[in-house]
PDB file of N, CA and C in Angstrom:
ATOM      1  N   UNK A   1     -38.103  35.923 -28.732  1.00  0.00           N
ATOM      2  CA  UNK A   1     -36.777  36.524 -28.702  1.00  0.00           C
ATOM      3  C   UNK A   1     -35.818  35.533 -28.050  1.00  0.00           C
ATOM      4  N   UNK A   2     -34.669  35.398 -28.646  1.00  0.00           N
ATOM      5  CA  UNK A   2     -33.658  34.457 -28.139  1.00  0.00           C
ATOM      6  C   UNK A   2     -32.976  34.990 -26.885  1.00  0.00           C
ATOM      7  N   UNK A   3     -32.757  36.293 -26.824  1.00  0.00           N
ATOM      8  CA  UNK A   3     -32.041  36.876 -25.697  1.00  0.00           C
ATOM      9  C   UNK A   3     -32.975  37.093 -24.509  1.00  0.00           C
ATOM     10  N   UNK A   4     -32.443  36.969 -23.323  1.00  0.00           N
ATOM     11  CA  UNK A   4     -33.222  37.106 -22.096  1.00  0.00           C
ATOM     12  C   UNK A   4     -33.579  38.574 -21.837  1.00  0.00           C
ATOM     13  N   UNK A   5     -34.872  38.844 -21.723  1.00  0.00           N
ATOM     14  CA  UNK A   5     -35.322  40.201 -21.411  1.00  0.00           C
ATOM     15  C   UNK A   5     -34.768  40.648 -20.063  1.00  0.00           C
ATOM     16  N   UNK A   6     -34.728  39.747 -19.108  1.00  0.00           N
ATOM     17  CA  UNK A   6     -34.186  40.096 -17.786  1.00  0.00           C
ATOM     18  C   UNK A   6     -32.718  40.510 -17.887  1.00  0.00           C
ATOM     19  N   UNK A   7     -31.946  39.787 -18.702  1.00  0.00           N
ATOM     20  CA  UNK A   7     -30.529  40.132 -18.879  1.00  0.00           C
ATOM     21  C   UNK A   7     -30.389  41.497 -19.547  1.00  0.00           C
ATOM     22  N   UNK A   8     -31.194  41.746 -20.578  1.00  0.00           N
ATOM     23  CA  UNK A   8     -31.144  43.044 -21.257  1.00  0.00           C
ATOM     24  C   UNK A   8     -31.508  44.170 -20.300  1.00  0.00           C
ATOM     25  N   UNK A   9     -32.538  43.945 -19.484  1.00  0.00           N
ATOM     26  CA  UNK A   9     -32.957  44.977 -18.526  1.00  0.00           C
ATOM     27  C   UNK A   9     -31.882  45.197 -17.457  1.00  0.00           C
ATOM     28  N   UNK A  10     -31.241  44.138 -17.018  1.00  0.00           N
ATOM     29  CA  UNK A  10     -30.170  44.275 -16.034  1.00  0.00           C
ATOM     30  C   UNK A  10     -29.023  45.093 -16.621  1.00  0.00           C
ATOM     31  N   UNK A  11     -28.688  44.826 -17.877  1.00  0.00           N
ATOM     32  CA  UNK A  11     -27.620  45.578 -18.541  1.00  0.00           C
ATOM     33  C   UNK A  11     -27.978  47.062 -18.629  1.00  0.00           C
ATOM     34  N   UNK A  12     -29.247  47.349 -18.801  1.00  0.00           N
ATOM     35  CA  UNK A  12     -29.728  48.730 -18.892  1.00  0.00           C
ATOM     36  C   UNK A  12     -30.029  49.340 -17.523  1.00  0.00           C
ATOM     37  N   UNK A  13     -29.688  48.612 -16.474  1.00  0.00           N
ATOM     38  CA  UNK A  13     -29.924  49.080 -15.097  1.00  0.00           C
ATOM     39  C   UNK A  13     -31.403  49.220 -14.780  1.00  0.00           C
ATOM     40  N   UNK A  14     -32.179  48.193 -15.153  1.00  0.00           N
ATOM     41  CA  UNK A  14     -33.591  48.050 -14.817  1.00  0.00           C
ATOM     42  C   UNK A  14     -34.470  49.228 -15.245  1.00  0.00           C
ATOM     43  N   UNK A  15     -34.682  49.385 -16.556  1.00  0.00           N
ATOM     44  CA  UNK A  15     -35.618  50.411 -17.019  1.00  0.00           C
ATOM     45  C   UNK A  15     -37.041  50.044 -16.599  1.00  0.00           C
ATOM     46  N   UNK A  16     -37.973  50.971 -16.655  1.00  0.00           N
ATOM     47  CA  UNK A  16     -39.348  50.692 -16.215  1.00  0.00           C
ATOM     48  C   UNK A  16     -40.017  49.594 -17.048  1.00  0.00           C
ATOM     49  N   UNK A  17     -40.979  48.900 -16.427  1.00  0.00           N
ATOM     50  CA  UNK A  17     -41.674  47.795 -17.086  1.00  0.00           C
ATOM     51  C   UNK A  17     -42.404  48.233 -18.346  1.00  0.00           C
ATOM     52  N   UNK A  18     -42.822  49.482 -18.400  1.00  0.00           N
ATOM     53  CA  UNK A  18     -43.527  49.925 -19.599  1.00  0.00           C
ATOM     54  C   UNK A  18     -42.621  49.941 -20.834  1.00  0.00           C
ATOM     55  N   UNK A  19     -41.341  49.731 -20.655  1.00  0.00           N
ATOM     56  CA  UNK A  19     -40.387  49.653 -21.767  1.00  0.00           C
ATOM     57  C   UNK A  19     -40.191  48.218 -22.262  1.00  0.00           C
ATOM     58  N   UNK A  20     -40.818  47.226 -21.614  1.00  0.00           N
ATOM     59  CA  UNK A  20     -40.579  45.819 -21.945  1.00  0.00           C
ATOM     60  C   UNK A  20     -40.879  45.484 -23.401  1.00  0.00           C
ATOM     61  N   UNK A  21     -41.968  45.979 -23.933  1.00  0.00           N
ATOM     62  CA  UNK A  21     -42.319  45.677 -25.328  1.00  0.00           C
ATOM     63  C   UNK A  21     -41.269  46.263 -26.267  1.00  0.00           C
ATOM     64  N   UNK A  22     -40.860  47.496 -25.990  1.00  0.00           N
ATOM     65  CA  UNK A  22     -39.833  48.138 -26.812  1.00  0.00           C
ATOM     66  C   UNK A  22     -38.502  47.392 -26.708  1.00  0.00           C
ATOM     67  N   UNK A  23     -38.126  46.998 -25.494  1.00  0.00           N
ATOM     68  CA  UNK A  23     -36.870  46.262 -25.307  1.00  0.00           C
ATOM     69  C   UNK A  23     -36.914  44.899 -25.988  1.00  0.00           C
ATOM     70  N   UNK A  24     -38.065  44.269 -25.985  1.00  0.00           N
ATOM     71  CA  UNK A  24     -38.217  42.995 -26.688  1.00  0.00           C
ATOM     72  C   UNK A  24     -38.000  43.195 -28.184  1.00  0.00           C
ATOM     73  N   UNK A  25     -38.564  44.276 -28.725  1.00  0.00           N
ATOM     74  CA  UNK A  25     -38.353  44.584 -30.145  1.00  0.00           C
ATOM     75  C   UNK A  25     -36.876  44.825 -30.439  1.00  0.00           C
ATOM     76  N   UNK A  26     -36.197  45.534 -29.543  1.00  0.00           N
ATOM     77  CA  UNK A  26     -34.767  45.763 -29.729  1.00  0.00           C
ATOM     78  C   UNK A  26     -33.991  44.458 -29.648  1.00  0.00           C
ATOM     79  N   UNK A  27     -34.416  43.554 -28.770  1.00  0.00           N
ATOM     80  CA  UNK A  27     -33.765  42.249 -28.662  1.00  0.00           C
ATOM     81  C   UNK A  27     -33.924  41.434 -29.943  1.00  0.00           C
ATOM     82  N   UNK A  28     -35.107  41.488 -30.547  1.00  0.00           N
ATOM     83  CA  UNK A  28     -35.332  40.797 -31.822  1.00  0.00           C
ATOM     84  C   UNK A  28     -34.471  41.439 -32.912  1.00  0.00           C
ATOM     85  N   UNK A  29     -34.391  42.759 -32.902  1.00  0.00           N
ATOM     86  CA  UNK A  29     -33.543  43.459 -33.880  1.00  0.00           C
ATOM     87  C   UNK A  29     -32.075  43.069 -33.694  1.00  0.00           C
ATOM     88  N   UNK A  30     -31.630  42.912 -32.451  1.00  0.00           N
ATOM     89  CA  UNK A  30     -30.248  42.503 -32.181  1.00  0.00           C
ATOM     90  C   UNK A  30     -29.998  41.086 -32.703  1.00  0.00           C
ATOM     91  N   UNK A  31     -30.966  40.208 -32.544  1.00  0.00           N
ATOM     92  CA  UNK A  31     -30.842  38.847 -33.075  1.00  0.00           C
ATOM     93  C   UNK A  31     -30.705  38.889 -34.593  1.00  0.00           C
ATOM     94  N   UNK A  32     -31.530  39.679 -35.245  1.00  0.00           N
ATOM     95  CA  UNK A  32     -31.460  39.810 -36.697  1.00  0.00           C
ATOM     96  C   UNK A  32     -30.136  40.443 -37.123  1.00  0.00           C
ATOM     97  N   UNK A  33     -29.669  41.412 -36.356  1.00  0.00           N
ATOM     98  CA  UNK A  33     -28.384  42.052 -36.658  1.00  0.00           C
ATOM     99  C   UNK A  33     -27.253  41.030 -36.545  1.00  0.00           C
ATOM    100  N   UNK A  34     -27.315  40.174 -35.523  1.00  0.00           N
ATOM    101  CA  UNK A  34     -26.300  39.127 -35.382  1.00  0.00           C
ATOM    102  C   UNK A  34     -26.294  38.215 -36.605  1.00  0.00           C
ATOM    103  N   UNK A  35     -27.475  37.749 -36.996  1.00  0.00           N
ATOM    104  CA  UNK A  35     -27.572  36.853 -38.149  1.00  0.00           C
ATOM    105  C   UNK A  35     -27.025  37.518 -39.410  1.00  0.00           C
ATOM    106  N   UNK A  36     -27.373  38.762 -39.614  1.00  0.00           N
ATOM    107  CA  UNK A  36     -26.918  39.488 -40.801  1.00  0.00           C
ATOM    108  C   UNK A  36     -25.409  39.736 -40.748  1.00  0.00           C
ATOM    109  N   UNK A  37     -24.914  40.196 -39.611  1.00  0.00           N
ATOM    110  CA  UNK A  37     -23.498  40.545 -39.468  1.00  0.00           C
ATOM    111  C   UNK A  37     -22.587  39.328 -39.578  1.00  0.00           C
ATOM    112  N   UNK A  38     -23.014  38.225 -38.995  1.00  0.00           N
ATOM    113  CA  UNK A  38     -22.147  37.045 -38.938  1.00  0.00           C
ATOM    114  C   UNK A  38     -22.398  36.037 -40.052  1.00  0.00           C
ATOM    115  N   UNK A  39     -23.551  36.120 -40.707  1.00  0.00           N
ATOM    116  CA  UNK A  39     -23.903  35.099 -41.692  1.00  0.00           C
ATOM    117  C   UNK A  39     -24.332  33.798 -41.052  1.00  0.00           C
ATOM    118  N   UNK A  40     -24.649  33.848 -39.780  1.00  0.00           N
ATOM    119  CA  UNK A  40     -25.081  32.673 -39.015  1.00  0.00           C
ATOM    120  C   UNK A  40     -26.593  32.698 -38.835  1.00  0.00           C
ATOM    121  N   UNK A  41     -27.120  31.594 -38.349  1.00  0.00           N
ATOM    122  CA  UNK A  41     -28.512  31.516 -37.914  1.00  0.00           C
ATOM    123  C   UNK A  41     -28.465  31.160 -36.439  1.00  0.00           C
ATOM    124  N   UNK A  42     -28.926  32.075 -35.623  1.00  0.00           N
ATOM    125  CA  UNK A  42     -28.817  31.928 -34.172  1.00  0.00           C
ATOM    126  C   UNK A  42     -29.996  31.151 -33.615  1.00  0.00           C
ATOM    127  N   UNK A  43     -29.694  30.235 -32.689  1.00  0.00           N
ATOM    128  CA  UNK A  43     -30.706  29.419 -32.035  1.00  0.00           C
ATOM    129  C   UNK A  43     -30.581  29.568 -30.520  1.00  0.00           C
ATOM    130  N   UNK A  44     -31.684  29.296 -29.837  1.00  0.00           N
ATOM    131  CA  UNK A  44     -31.704  29.344 -28.374  1.00  0.00           C
ATOM    132  C   UNK A  44     -30.769  28.282 -27.806  1.00  0.00           C
ATOM    133  N   UNK A  45     -30.343  28.478 -26.568  1.00  0.00           N
ATOM    134  CA  UNK A  45     -29.387  27.559 -25.928  1.00  0.00           C
ATOM    135  C   UNK A  45     -29.858  26.111 -25.912  1.00  0.00           C
ATOM    136  N   UNK A  46     -31.144  25.916 -25.725  1.00  0.00           N
ATOM    137  CA  UNK A  46     -31.672  24.560 -25.587  1.00  0.00           C
ATOM    138  C   UNK A  46     -32.063  23.931 -26.932  1.00  0.00           C
ATOM    139  N   UNK A  47     -31.806  24.594 -28.035  1.00  0.00           N
ATOM    140  CA  UNK A  47     -32.206  24.094 -29.355  1.00  0.00           C
ATOM    141  C   UNK A  47     -31.424  22.848 -29.754  1.00  0.00           C
ATOM    142  N   UNK A  48     -32.109  21.961 -30.441  1.00  0.00           N
ATOM    143  CA  UNK A  48     -31.479  20.771 -31.013  1.00  0.00           C
ATOM    144  C   UNK A  48     -31.046  21.124 -32.428  1.00  0.00           C
ATOM    145  N   UNK A  49     -29.754  21.115 -32.682  1.00  0.00           N
ATOM    146  CA  UNK A  49     -29.231  21.519 -33.981  1.00  0.00           C
ATOM    147  C   UNK A  49     -28.985  20.338 -34.921  1.00  0.00           C
ATOM    148  N   UNK A  50     -29.587  19.204 -34.626  1.00  0.00           N
ATOM    149  CA  UNK A  50     -29.367  18.001 -35.428  1.00  0.00           C
ATOM    150  C   UNK A  50     -29.659  18.238 -36.908  1.00  0.00           C
ATOM    151  N   UNK A  51     -30.788  18.858 -37.216  1.00  0.00           N
ATOM    152  CA  UNK A  51     -31.171  19.092 -38.614  1.00  0.00           C
ATOM    153  C   UNK A  51     -30.998  20.554 -39.024  1.00  0.00           C
ATOM    154  N   UNK A  52     -30.240  21.296 -38.249  1.00  0.00           N
ATOM    155  CA  UNK A  52     -30.042  22.719 -38.522  1.00  0.00           C
ATOM    156  C   UNK A  52     -29.053  22.912 -39.670  1.00  0.00           C
ATOM    157  N   UNK A  53     -29.108  24.058 -40.322  1.00  0.00           N
ATOM    158  CA  UNK A  53     -28.133  24.331 -41.386  1.00  0.00           C
ATOM    159  C   UNK A  53     -26.711  24.385 -40.845  1.00  0.00           C
ATOM    160  N   UNK A  54     -25.757  24.297 -41.740  1.00  0.00           N
ATOM    161  CA  UNK A  54     -24.348  24.251 -41.356  1.00  0.00           C
ATOM    162  C   UNK A  54     -23.890  25.505 -40.610  1.00  0.00           C
ATOM    163  N   UNK A  55     -24.495  26.630 -40.916  1.00  0.00           N
ATOM    164  CA  UNK A  55     -24.104  27.881 -40.268  1.00  0.00           C
ATOM    165  C   UNK A  55     -24.904  28.181 -39.003  1.00  0.00           C
ATOM    166  N   UNK A  56     -25.590  27.187 -38.465  1.00  0.00           N
ATOM    167  CA  UNK A  56     -26.360  27.361 -37.234  1.00  0.00           C
ATOM    168  C   UNK A  56     -25.419  27.518 -36.043  1.00  0.00           C
ATOM    169  N   UNK A  57     -25.877  28.269 -35.065  1.00  0.00           N
ATOM    170  CA  UNK A  57     -25.074  28.513 -33.868  1.00  0.00           C
ATOM    171  C   UNK A  57     -26.001  28.729 -32.683  1.00  0.00           C
ATOM    172  N   UNK A  58     -25.643  28.160 -31.555  1.00  0.00           N
ATOM    173  CA  UNK A  58     -26.411  28.343 -30.317  1.00  0.00           C
ATOM    174  C   UNK A  58     -25.873  29.571 -29.589  1.00  0.00           C
ATOM    175  N   UNK A  59     -26.764  30.310 -28.964  1.00  0.00           N
ATOM    176  CA  UNK A  59     -26.392  31.515 -28.220  1.00  0.00           C
ATOM    177  C   UNK A  59     -25.358  31.185 -27.155  1.00  0.00           C
ATOM    178  N   UNK A  60     -24.330  32.010 -27.068  1.00  0.00           N
ATOM    179  CA  UNK A  60     -23.331  31.913 -26.002  1.00  0.00           C
ATOM    180  C   UNK A  60     -23.408  33.186 -25.173  1.00  0.00           C
ATOM    181  N   UNK A  61     -22.697  33.198 -24.052  1.00  0.00           N
ATOM    182  CA  UNK A  61     -22.704  34.393 -23.202  1.00  0.00           C
ATOM    183  C   UNK A  61     -22.132  35.599 -23.925  1.00  0.00           C
ATOM    184  N   UNK A  62     -21.068  35.400 -24.709  1.00  0.00           N
ATOM    185  CA  UNK A  62     -20.477  36.545 -25.396  1.00  0.00           C
ATOM    186  C   UNK A  62     -21.393  37.075 -26.491  1.00  0.00           C
ATOM    187  N   UNK A  63     -22.147  36.208 -27.131  1.00  0.00           N
ATOM    188  CA  UNK A  63     -23.111  36.666 -28.131  1.00  0.00           C
ATOM    189  C   UNK A  63     -24.207  37.471 -27.454  1.00  0.00           C
ATOM    190  N   UNK A  64     -24.698  36.971 -26.319  1.00  0.00           N
ATOM    191  CA  UNK A  64     -25.757  37.689 -25.598  1.00  0.00           C
ATOM    192  C   UNK A  64     -25.247  39.016 -25.048  1.00  0.00           C
ATOM    193  N   UNK A  65     -24.008  39.050 -24.581  1.00  0.00           N
ATOM    194  CA  UNK A  65     -23.444  40.306 -24.092  1.00  0.00           C
ATOM    195  C   UNK A  65     -23.306  41.315 -25.230  1.00  0.00           C
ATOM    196  N   UNK A  66     -22.858  40.859 -26.396  1.00  0.00           N
ATOM    197  CA  UNK A  66     -22.784  41.741 -27.559  1.00  0.00           C
ATOM    198  C   UNK A  66     -24.152  42.277 -27.925  1.00  0.00           C
ATOM    199  N   UNK A  67     -25.173  41.442 -27.812  1.00  0.00           N
ATOM    200  CA  UNK A  67     -26.545  41.880 -28.086  1.00  0.00           C
ATOM    201  C   UNK A  67     -26.997  42.906 -27.050  1.00  0.00           C
ATOM    202  N   UNK A  68     -26.641  42.693 -25.787  1.00  0.00           N
ATOM    203  CA  UNK A  68     -27.027  43.636 -24.736  1.00  0.00           C
ATOM    204  C   UNK A  68     -26.401  45.004 -24.975  1.00  0.00           C
ATOM    205  N   UNK A  69     -25.147  45.018 -25.422  1.00  0.00           N
ATOM    206  CA  UNK A  69     -24.477  46.286 -25.737  1.00  0.00           C
ATOM    207  C   UNK A  69     -25.193  46.967 -26.900  1.00  0.00           C
ATOM    208  N   UNK A  70     -25.545  46.196 -27.923  1.00  0.00           N
ATOM    209  CA  UNK A  70     -26.259  46.759 -29.062  1.00  0.00           C
ATOM    210  C   UNK A  70     -27.631  47.282 -28.653  1.00  0.00           C
ATOM    211  N   UNK A  71     -28.356  46.515 -27.860  1.00  0.00           N
ATOM    212  CA  UNK A  71     -29.678  46.957 -27.394  1.00  0.00           C
ATOM    213  C   UNK A  71     -29.549  48.243 -26.584  1.00  0.00           C
ATOM    214  N   UNK A  72     -28.562  48.315 -25.708  1.00  0.00           N
ATOM    215  CA  UNK A  72     -28.362  49.536 -24.913  1.00  0.00           C
ATOM    216  C   UNK A  72     -28.046  50.721 -25.820  1.00  0.00           C
ATOM    217  N   UNK A  73     -27.226  50.506 -26.834  1.00  0.00           N
ATOM    218  CA  UNK A  73     -26.883  51.581 -27.765  1.00  0.00           C
ATOM    219  C   UNK A  73     -28.125  52.053 -28.520  1.00  0.00           C
ATOM    220  N   UNK A  74     -28.923  51.088 -28.998  1.00  0.00           N
ATOM    221  CA  UNK A  74     -30.160  51.447 -29.704  1.00  0.00           C
ATOM    222  C   UNK A  74     -31.148  52.152 -28.777  1.00  0.00           C
ATOM    223  N   UNK A  75     -31.218  51.695 -27.547  1.00  0.00           N
ATOM    224  CA  UNK A  75     -32.127  52.281 -26.557  1.00  0.00           C
ATOM    225  C   UNK A  75     -31.755  53.735 -26.263  1.00  0.00           C
ATOM    226  N   UNK A  76     -30.469  53.997 -26.150  1.00  0.00           N
ATOM    227  CA  UNK A  76     -30.000  55.344 -25.823  1.00  0.00           C
ATOM    228  C   UNK A  76     -29.949  56.273 -27.038  1.00  0.00           C
ATOM    229  N   UNK A  77     -29.936  55.718 -28.235  1.00  0.00           N
ATOM    230  CA  UNK A  77     -29.821  56.512 -29.460  1.00  0.00           C
ATOM    231  C   UNK A  77     -31.020  56.255 -30.362  1.00  0.00           C
ATOM    232  N   UNK A  78     -32.206  56.456 -29.839  1.00  0.00           N
ATOM    233  CA  UNK A  78     -33.433  56.136 -30.561  1.00  0.00           C
ATOM    234  C   UNK A  78     -33.639  56.954 -31.821  1.00  0.00           C
ATOM    235  N   UNK A  79     -33.135  58.139 -31.847  1.00  0.00           N
ATOM    236  CA  UNK A  79     -33.463  59.050 -32.932  1.00  0.00           C
ATOM    237  C   UNK A  79     -32.445  59.107 -34.057  1.00  0.00           C
ATOM    238  N   UNK A  80     -31.324  58.474 -33.910  1.00  0.00           N
ATOM    239  CA  UNK A  80     -30.360  58.554 -34.985  1.00  0.00           C
ATOM    240  C   UNK A  80     -29.050  57.906 -34.637  1.00  0.00           C
ATOM    241  N   UNK A  81     -28.151  57.982 -35.570  1.00  0.00           N
ATOM    242  CA  UNK A  81     -26.867  57.321 -35.450  1.00  0.00           C
ATOM    243  C   UNK A  81     -25.788  58.317 -35.058  1.00  0.00           C
ATOM    244  N   UNK A  82     -24.919  57.880 -34.176  1.00  0.00           N
ATOM    245  CA  UNK A  82     -23.784  58.718 -33.806  1.00  0.00           C
ATOM    246  C   UNK A  82     -22.478  58.152 -34.356  1.00  0.00           C
ATOM    247  N   UNK A  83     -22.509  56.947 -34.919  1.00  0.00           N
ATOM    248  CA  UNK A  83     -21.265  56.365 -35.437  1.00  0.00           C
ATOM    249  C   UNK A  83     -21.451  55.760 -36.833  1.00  0.00           C
ATOM    250  N   UNK A  84     -22.279  56.369 -37.629  1.00  0.00           N
ATOM    251  CA  UNK A  84     -22.483  55.860 -38.979  1.00  0.00           C
ATOM    252  C   UNK A  84     -23.334  54.614 -38.983  1.00  0.00           C
ATOM    253  N   UNK A  85     -22.961  53.664 -39.825  1.00  0.00           N
ATOM    254  CA  UNK A  85     -23.756  52.449 -39.976  1.00  0.00           C
ATOM    255  C   UNK A  85     -23.077  51.235 -39.361  1.00  0.00           C
ATOM    256  N   UNK A  86     -22.175  51.449 -38.431  1.00  0.00           N
ATOM    257  CA  UNK A  86     -21.460  50.345 -37.809  1.00  0.00           C
ATOM    258  C   UNK A  86     -22.104  49.951 -36.492  1.00  0.00           C
ATOM    259  N   UNK A  87     -21.921  48.683 -36.147  1.00  0.00           N
ATOM    260  CA  UNK A  87     -22.319  48.218 -34.828  1.00  0.00           C
ATOM    261  C   UNK A  87     -21.377  48.830 -33.801  1.00  0.00           C
ATOM    262  N   UNK A  88     -21.818  48.957 -32.547  1.00  0.00           N
ATOM    263  CA  UNK A  88     -20.897  49.438 -31.507  1.00  0.00           C
ATOM    264  C   UNK A  88     -19.664  48.533 -31.427  1.00  0.00           C
ATOM    265  N   UNK A  89     -18.517  49.124 -31.146  1.00  0.00           N
ATOM    266  CA  UNK A  89     -17.256  48.380 -31.109  1.00  0.00           C
ATOM    267  C   UNK A  89     -17.310  47.157 -30.196  1.00  0.00           C
ATOM    268  N   UNK A  90     -17.828  47.258 -28.957  1.00  0.00           N
ATOM    269  CA  UNK A  90     -17.867  46.043 -28.118  1.00  0.00           C
ATOM    270  C   UNK A  90     -18.688  44.916 -28.746  1.00  0.00           C
ATOM    271  N   UNK A  91     -19.768  45.272 -29.421  1.00  0.00           N
ATOM    272  CA  UNK A  91     -20.588  44.250 -30.081  1.00  0.00           C
ATOM    273  C   UNK A  91     -19.790  43.574 -31.184  1.00  0.00           C
ATOM    274  N   UNK A  92     -19.099  44.361 -31.995  1.00  0.00           N
ATOM    275  CA  UNK A  92     -18.285  43.779 -33.070  1.00  0.00           C
ATOM    276  C   UNK A  92     -17.192  42.880 -32.504  1.00  0.00           C
ATOM    277  N   UNK A  93     -16.530  43.324 -31.432  1.00  0.00           N
ATOM    278  CA  UNK A  93     -15.455  42.517 -30.841  1.00  0.00           C
ATOM    279  C   UNK A  93     -15.983  41.185 -30.307  1.00  0.00           C
ATOM    280  N   UNK A  94     -17.179  41.207 -29.742  1.00  0.00           N
ATOM    281  CA  UNK A  94     -17.767  39.980 -29.199  1.00  0.00           C
ATOM    282  C   UNK A  94     -18.338  39.075 -30.288  1.00  0.00           C
ATOM    283  N   UNK A  95     -18.793  39.644 -31.380  1.00  0.00           N
ATOM    284  CA  UNK A  95     -19.422  38.856 -32.446  1.00  0.00           C
ATOM    285  C   UNK A  95     -18.459  38.438 -33.554  1.00  0.00           C
ATOM    286  N   UNK A  96     -17.352  39.149 -33.734  1.00  0.00           N
ATOM    287  CA  UNK A  96     -16.433  38.827 -34.831  1.00  0.00           C
ATOM    288  C   UNK A  96     -15.980  37.372 -34.865  1.00  0.00           C
ATOM    289  N   UNK A  97     -15.662  36.745 -33.735  1.00  0.00           N
ATOM    290  CA  UNK A  97     -15.200  35.354 -33.798  1.00  0.00           C
ATOM    291  C   UNK A  97     -16.242  34.377 -34.343  1.00  0.00           C
ATOM    292  N   UNK A  98     -17.494  34.809 -34.428  1.00  0.00           N
ATOM    293  CA  UNK A  98     -18.581  33.927 -34.853  1.00  0.00           C
ATOM    294  C   UNK A  98     -18.974  34.146 -36.314  1.00  0.00           C
ATOM    295  N   UNK A  99     -18.256  35.005 -37.013  1.00  0.00           N
ATOM    296  CA  UNK A  99     -18.602  35.287 -38.407  1.00  0.00           C
ATOM    297  C   UNK A  99     -18.396  34.043 -39.264  1.00  0.00           C
ATOM    298  N   UNK A 100     -19.339  33.817 -40.152  1.00  0.00           N
ATOM    299  CA  UNK A 100     -19.308  32.675 -41.053  1.00  0.00           C
ATOM    300  C   UNK A 100     -18.814  33.172 -42.405  1.00  0.00           C
ATOM    301  N   UNK A 101     -17.670  32.685 -42.799  1.00  0.00           N
ATOM    302  CA  UNK A 101     -17.081  33.122 -44.059  1.00  0.00           C
ATOM    303  C   UNK A 101     -17.257  32.019 -45.088  1.00  0.00           C
ATOM    304  N   UNK A 102     -18.234  32.208 -45.950  1.00  0.00           N
ATOM    305  CA  UNK A 102     -18.488  31.218 -46.988  1.00  0.00           C
ATOM    306  C   UNK A 102     -17.558  31.477 -48.173  1.00  0.00           C
ATOM    307  N   UNK A 103     -16.732  30.511 -48.473  1.00  0.00           N
ATOM    308  CA  UNK A 103     -15.793  30.667 -49.588  1.00  0.00           C
ATOM    309  C   UNK A 103     -16.076  29.678 -50.679  1.00  0.00           C
TER     310      UNK A 103
END
């Protein structure tokens, strides 16, 4: 997972350790959601992007914060959707500047 489990847990106000596997899965889902929503391919901060595709992007704090908001929303709404098929507004606001528009 690209996003820090410790950061996600801190955002969630330190849920119990038995939730770590589930939170890791949510973090991977958030990474995939970012890639799908933005049309980018997300890489870890320390990644070498020399041979990466043109739409490659390294994780930034705002991307990770948007992921933390999404993970928290998914964590709290495990059984269904309360806002249709949209990402939470803070996540969209943080991720919108990174959208890749292929023309």
